[in-house]
């Protein structure tokens, strides 16, 4: 058994899809291969973290926006009756600060995912229908997302 096949079988084992005979072969490989044993440990750790983060309640964006919009409308009505806009501005900025504090709290309370070695993002080719354009590819290290920008060059007629 090679390491690539072992990693596929580790995944199947974690999903409960590996037969007992195959599981015995996999265990023998893991006893001889510290790299695959480490990969399995990382995947098990990541699985545990995902189970823990399932309990974190993330507020619904639509509901949060509706609350903000209602607060803004309420402030518009009350600020029309006052001469100075400072109390309304203070209330509005307090609401925004509270939302930012909640968002940051959720971000810092969510545990970091464990490192995995099985996947890598690669962008081999970017195609665009725009002539005289330049694609720029960036792989975000934190999220692992591949980000592609297409920059159009401006011709002299549109300038």
C-alpha atoms as a PDB file:
ATOM      1  CA  UNK A   1       0.000   0.000   0.000  1.00  0.00           C
ATOM      2  CA  UNK A   2       1.327   3.448  -0.886  1.00  0.00           C
ATOM      3  CA  UNK A   3       0.738   6.661   1.068  1.00  0.00           C
ATOM      4  CA  UNK A   4      -1.737   8.106  -1.451  1.00  0.00           C
ATOM      5  CA  UNK A   5      -3.959   5.030  -1.181  1.00  0.00           C
ATOM      6  CA  UNK A   6      -3.563   5.052   2.616  1.00  0.00           C
ATOM      7  CA  UNK A   7      -4.806   8.657   2.790  1.00  0.00           C
ATOM      8  CA  UNK A   8      -7.842   7.764   0.673  1.00  0.00           C
ATOM      9  CA  UNK A   9      -8.557   4.826   2.982  1.00  0.00           C
ATOM     10  CA  UNK A  10      -8.139   7.040   6.062  1.00  0.00           C
ATOM     11  CA  UNK A  11     -10.854   9.291   4.660  1.00  0.00           C
ATOM     12  CA  UNK A  12     -13.110   6.315   3.959  1.00  0.00           C
ATOM     13  CA  UNK A  13     -12.431   4.986   7.466  1.00  0.00           C
ATOM     14  CA  UNK A  14     -13.437   8.314   9.030  1.00  0.00           C
ATOM     15  CA  UNK A  15     -16.666   8.213   6.990  1.00  0.00           C
ATOM     16  CA  UNK A  16     -17.341   4.640   8.165  1.00  0.00           C
ATOM     17  CA  UNK A  17     -17.047   3.250   4.631  1.00  0.00           C
ATOM     18  CA  UNK A  18     -13.921   1.072   5.011  1.00  0.00           C
ATOM     19  CA  UNK A  19     -14.306  -2.727   5.186  1.00  0.00           C
ATOM     20  CA  UNK A  20     -12.671  -4.628   8.049  1.00  0.00           C
ATOM     21  CA  UNK A  21     -10.160  -6.360   5.786  1.00  0.00           C
ATOM     22  CA  UNK A  22      -9.075  -3.041   4.313  1.00  0.00           C
ATOM     23  CA  UNK A  23      -8.956  -1.509   7.784  1.00  0.00           C
ATOM     24  CA  UNK A  24      -6.462  -4.190   8.875  1.00  0.00           C
ATOM     25  CA  UNK A  25      -4.256  -3.413   5.858  1.00  0.00           C
ATOM     26  CA  UNK A  26      -4.493   0.306   6.629  1.00  0.00           C
ATOM     27  CA  UNK A  27      -3.541  -0.207  10.285  1.00  0.00           C
ATOM     28  CA  UNK A  28      -0.442  -2.189   9.219  1.00  0.00           C
ATOM     29  CA  UNK A  29       0.567   0.668   6.913  1.00  0.00           C
ATOM     30  CA  UNK A  30       0.017   3.246   9.664  1.00  0.00           C
ATOM     31  CA  UNK A  31       2.243   1.266  12.035  1.00  0.00           C
ATOM     32  CA  UNK A  32       5.063   1.433   9.465  1.00  0.00           C
ATOM     33  CA  UNK A  33       4.502   4.962   8.107  1.00  0.00           C
ATOM     34  CA  UNK A  34       4.765   7.882  10.579  1.00  0.00           C
ATOM     35  CA  UNK A  35       3.805  10.419   7.869  1.00  0.00           C
ATOM     36  CA  UNK A  36       0.439   8.765   7.208  1.00  0.00           C
ATOM     37  CA  UNK A  37      -0.077   8.308  10.941  1.00  0.00           C
ATOM     38  CA  UNK A  38       0.448  12.072  11.360  1.00  0.00           C
ATOM     39  CA  UNK A  39      -2.008  12.813   8.520  1.00  0.00           C
ATOM     40  CA  UNK A  40      -4.631  10.647  10.221  1.00  0.00           C
ATOM     41  CA  UNK A  41      -4.033  12.455  13.533  1.00  0.00           C
ATOM     42  CA  UNK A  42      -4.438  15.856  11.813  1.00  0.00           C
ATOM     43  CA  UNK A  43      -7.661  14.767  10.121  1.00  0.00           C
ATOM     44  CA  UNK A  44      -9.051  13.417  13.393  1.00  0.00           C
ATOM     45  CA  UNK A  45      -8.155  16.715  15.100  1.00  0.00           C
ATOM     46  CA  UNK A  46      -9.838  18.710  12.326  1.00  0.00           C
ATOM     47  CA  UNK A  47     -12.920  16.518  12.608  1.00  0.00           C
ATOM     48  CA  UNK A  48     -13.090  17.167  16.359  1.00  0.00           C
ATOM     49  CA  UNK A  49     -12.787  20.937  15.800  1.00  0.00           C
ATOM     50  CA  UNK A  50     -15.564  20.896  13.212  1.00  0.00           C
ATOM     51  CA  UNK A  51     -17.837  19.076  15.641  1.00  0.00           C
ATOM     52  CA  UNK A  52     -17.077  21.704  18.304  1.00  0.00           C
ATOM     53  CA  UNK A  53     -17.739  24.660  15.973  1.00  0.00           C
ATOM     54  CA  UNK A  54     -21.120  23.240  14.999  1.00  0.00           C
ATOM     55  CA  UNK A  55     -22.381  24.484  18.381  1.00  0.00           C
ATOM     56  CA  UNK A  56     -21.422  28.122  17.645  1.00  0.00           C
ATOM     57  CA  UNK A  57     -24.503  30.118  16.612  1.00  0.00           C
ATOM     58  CA  UNK A  58     -23.769  32.589  13.854  1.00  0.00           C
ATOM     59  CA  UNK A  59     -26.370  35.342  13.583  1.00  0.00           C
ATOM     60  CA  UNK A  60     -28.473  35.439  10.434  1.00  0.00           C
ATOM     61  CA  UNK A  61     -27.232  38.226   8.148  1.00  0.00           C
ATOM     62  CA  UNK A  62     -30.751  39.137   6.979  1.00  0.00           C
ATOM     63  CA  UNK A  63     -32.044  39.488  10.532  1.00  0.00           C
ATOM     64  CA  UNK A  64     -28.984  41.543  11.562  1.00  0.00           C
ATOM     65  CA  UNK A  65     -29.445  43.851   8.577  1.00  0.00           C
ATOM     66  CA  UNK A  66     -33.156  44.289   9.321  1.00  0.00           C
ATOM     67  CA  UNK A  67     -32.314  45.229  12.922  1.00  0.00           C
ATOM     68  CA  UNK A  68     -29.757  47.774  11.686  1.00  0.00           C
ATOM     69  CA  UNK A  69     -32.200  49.184   9.140  1.00  0.00           C
ATOM     70  CA  UNK A  70     -34.941  49.485  11.779  1.00  0.00           C
ATOM     71  CA  UNK A  71     -32.515  51.238  14.119  1.00  0.00           C
ATOM     72  CA  UNK A  72     -31.503  53.663  11.341  1.00  0.00           C
ATOM     73  CA  UNK A  73     -35.142  54.459  10.521  1.00  0.00           C
ATOM     74  CA  UNK A  74     -35.883  54.980  14.203  1.00  0.00           C
ATOM     75  CA  UNK A  75     -32.907  57.331  14.481  1.00  0.00           C
ATOM     76  CA  UNK A  76     -34.044  59.280  11.421  1.00  0.00           C
ATOM     77  CA  UNK A  77     -37.431  59.888  13.031  1.00  0.00           C
ATOM     78  CA  UNK A  78     -36.009  60.916  16.405  1.00  0.00           C
ATOM     79  CA  UNK A  79     -33.200  63.050  14.938  1.00  0.00           C
ATOM     80  CA  UNK A  80     -35.723  65.186  13.030  1.00  0.00           C
ATOM     81  CA  UNK A  81     -37.171  66.268  16.367  1.00  0.00           C
ATOM     82  CA  UNK A  82     -33.848  67.338  17.875  1.00  0.00           C
ATOM     83  CA  UNK A  83     -31.697  70.324  17.065  1.00  0.00           C
ATOM     84  CA  UNK A  84     -28.377  68.567  17.531  1.00  0.00           C
ATOM     85  CA  UNK A  85     -27.669  65.307  15.626  1.00  0.00           C
ATOM     86  CA  UNK A  86     -25.084  64.144  18.194  1.00  0.00           C
ATOM     87  CA  UNK A  87     -27.386  61.912  20.334  1.00  0.00           C
ATOM     88  CA  UNK A  88     -28.674  60.137  17.196  1.00  0.00           C
ATOM     89  CA  UNK A  89     -25.145  59.808  15.849  1.00  0.00           C
ATOM     90  CA  UNK A  90     -23.962  58.427  19.185  1.00  0.00           C
ATOM     91  CA  UNK A  91     -26.737  55.813  19.237  1.00  0.00           C
ATOM     92  CA  UNK A  92     -26.065  54.796  15.642  1.00  0.00           C
ATOM     93  CA  UNK A  93     -22.327  54.436  16.144  1.00  0.00           C
ATOM     94  CA  UNK A  94     -22.974  52.464  19.340  1.00  0.00           C
ATOM     95  CA  UNK A  95     -25.140  50.029  17.378  1.00  0.00           C
ATOM     96  CA  UNK A  96     -22.447  49.631  14.714  1.00  0.00           C
ATOM     97  CA  UNK A  97     -19.768  49.199  17.394  1.00  0.00           C
ATOM     98  CA  UNK A  98     -21.884  46.508  19.079  1.00  0.00           C
ATOM     99  CA  UNK A  99     -22.272  44.631  15.805  1.00  0.00           C
ATOM    100  CA  UNK A 100     -18.531  44.856  15.166  1.00  0.00           C
ATOM    101  CA  UNK A 101     -17.814  43.636  18.720  1.00  0.00           C
ATOM    102  CA  UNK A 102     -20.148  40.641  18.276  1.00  0.00           C
ATOM    103  CA  UNK A 103     -18.588  39.803  14.906  1.00  0.00           C
ATOM    104  CA  UNK A 104     -15.050  40.000  16.307  1.00  0.00           C
ATOM    105  CA  UNK A 105     -16.102  37.947  19.323  1.00  0.00           C
ATOM    106  CA  UNK A 106     -17.420  35.196  17.065  1.00  0.00           C
ATOM    107  CA  UNK A 107     -14.238  35.342  14.986  1.00  0.00           C
ATOM    108  CA  UNK A 108     -11.915  35.020  17.983  1.00  0.00           C
ATOM    109  CA  UNK A 109     -14.060  32.378  19.716  1.00  0.00           C
ATOM    110  CA  UNK A 110     -13.987  30.093  16.672  1.00  0.00           C
ATOM    111  CA  UNK A 111     -10.984  27.729  16.961  1.00  0.00           C
ATOM    112  CA  UNK A 112      -8.362  27.682  14.228  1.00  0.00           C
ATOM    113  CA  UNK A 113      -8.654  24.667  11.910  1.00  0.00           C
ATOM    114  CA  UNK A 114      -5.865  22.106  12.119  1.00  0.00           C
ATOM    115  CA  UNK A 115      -3.324  22.012   9.303  1.00  0.00           C
ATOM    116  CA  UNK A 116      -3.872  19.404   6.641  1.00  0.00           C
ATOM    117  CA  UNK A 117      -1.392  18.262   4.092  1.00  0.00           C
ATOM    118  CA  UNK A 118      -3.702  16.544   1.632  1.00  0.00           C
ATOM    119  CA  UNK A 119      -4.985  19.515  -0.356  1.00  0.00           C
ATOM    120  CA  UNK A 120      -3.300  22.368  -2.186  1.00  0.00           C
ATOM    121  CA  UNK A 121      -4.861  25.122  -4.256  1.00  0.00           C
ATOM    122  CA  UNK A 122      -3.392  25.487  -7.689  1.00  0.00           C
ATOM    123  CA  UNK A 123      -4.443  27.669 -10.569  1.00  0.00           C
ATOM    124  CA  UNK A 124      -2.933  26.471 -13.808  1.00  0.00           C
ATOM    125  CA  UNK A 125      -4.730  28.646 -16.344  1.00  0.00           C
ATOM    126  CA  UNK A 126      -7.030  31.691 -16.410  1.00  0.00           C
ATOM    127  CA  UNK A 127      -9.005  32.381 -19.582  1.00  0.00           C
ATOM    128  CA  UNK A 128     -10.903  35.569 -20.354  1.00  0.00           C
ATOM    129  CA  UNK A 129     -12.836  36.874 -23.360  1.00  0.00           C
ATOM    130  CA  UNK A 130     -11.547  40.385 -22.784  1.00  0.00           C
ATOM    131  CA  UNK A 131      -8.777  41.364 -25.143  1.00  0.00           C
ATOM    132  CA  UNK A 132      -5.816  43.259 -23.694  1.00  0.00           C
ATOM    133  CA  UNK A 133      -6.645  42.134 -20.150  1.00  0.00           C
ATOM    134  CA  UNK A 134      -4.321  40.847 -17.481  1.00  0.00           C
ATOM    135  CA  UNK A 135      -5.390  38.120 -15.040  1.00  0.00           C
ATOM    136  CA  UNK A 136      -3.899  38.224 -11.543  1.00  0.00           C
ATOM    137  CA  UNK A 137      -4.141  35.118  -9.337  1.00  0.00           C
ATOM    138  CA  UNK A 138      -3.739  35.189  -5.561  1.00  0.00           C
ATOM    139  CA  UNK A 139      -4.062  32.254  -3.149  1.00  0.00           C
ATOM    140  CA  UNK A 140      -5.268  33.451   0.262  1.00  0.00           C
ATOM    141  CA  UNK A 141      -3.251  31.542   2.863  1.00  0.00           C
ATOM    142  CA  UNK A 142      -5.803  31.943   5.645  1.00  0.00           C
ATOM    143  CA  UNK A 143      -8.911  30.752   3.790  1.00  0.00           C
ATOM    144  CA  UNK A 144      -7.241  28.743   1.019  1.00  0.00           C
ATOM    145  CA  UNK A 145      -9.380  30.457  -1.627  1.00  0.00           C
ATOM    146  CA  UNK A 146      -8.009  31.187  -5.066  1.00  0.00           C
ATOM    147  CA  UNK A 147      -8.803  34.795  -5.987  1.00  0.00           C
ATOM    148  CA  UNK A 148      -8.648  35.899  -9.624  1.00  0.00           C
ATOM    149  CA  UNK A 149      -8.754  39.506 -10.801  1.00  0.00           C
ATOM    150  CA  UNK A 150      -9.107  40.432 -14.456  1.00  0.00           C
ATOM    151  CA  UNK A 151      -7.698  43.884 -15.146  1.00  0.00           C
ATOM    152  CA  UNK A 152      -8.977  45.586 -18.269  1.00  0.00           C
ATOM    153  CA  UNK A 153      -6.650  47.964 -19.995  1.00  0.00           C
ATOM    154  CA  UNK A 154      -8.286  51.245 -21.004  1.00  0.00           C
ATOM    155  CA  UNK A 155      -7.928  52.321 -24.601  1.00  0.00           C
ATOM    156  CA  UNK A 156      -7.440  55.945 -25.590  1.00  0.00           C
ATOM    157  CA  UNK A 157     -11.033  56.376 -26.859  1.00  0.00           C
ATOM    158  CA  UNK A 158     -12.603  55.748 -23.420  1.00  0.00           C
ATOM    159  CA  UNK A 159     -10.139  57.984 -21.545  1.00  0.00           C
END
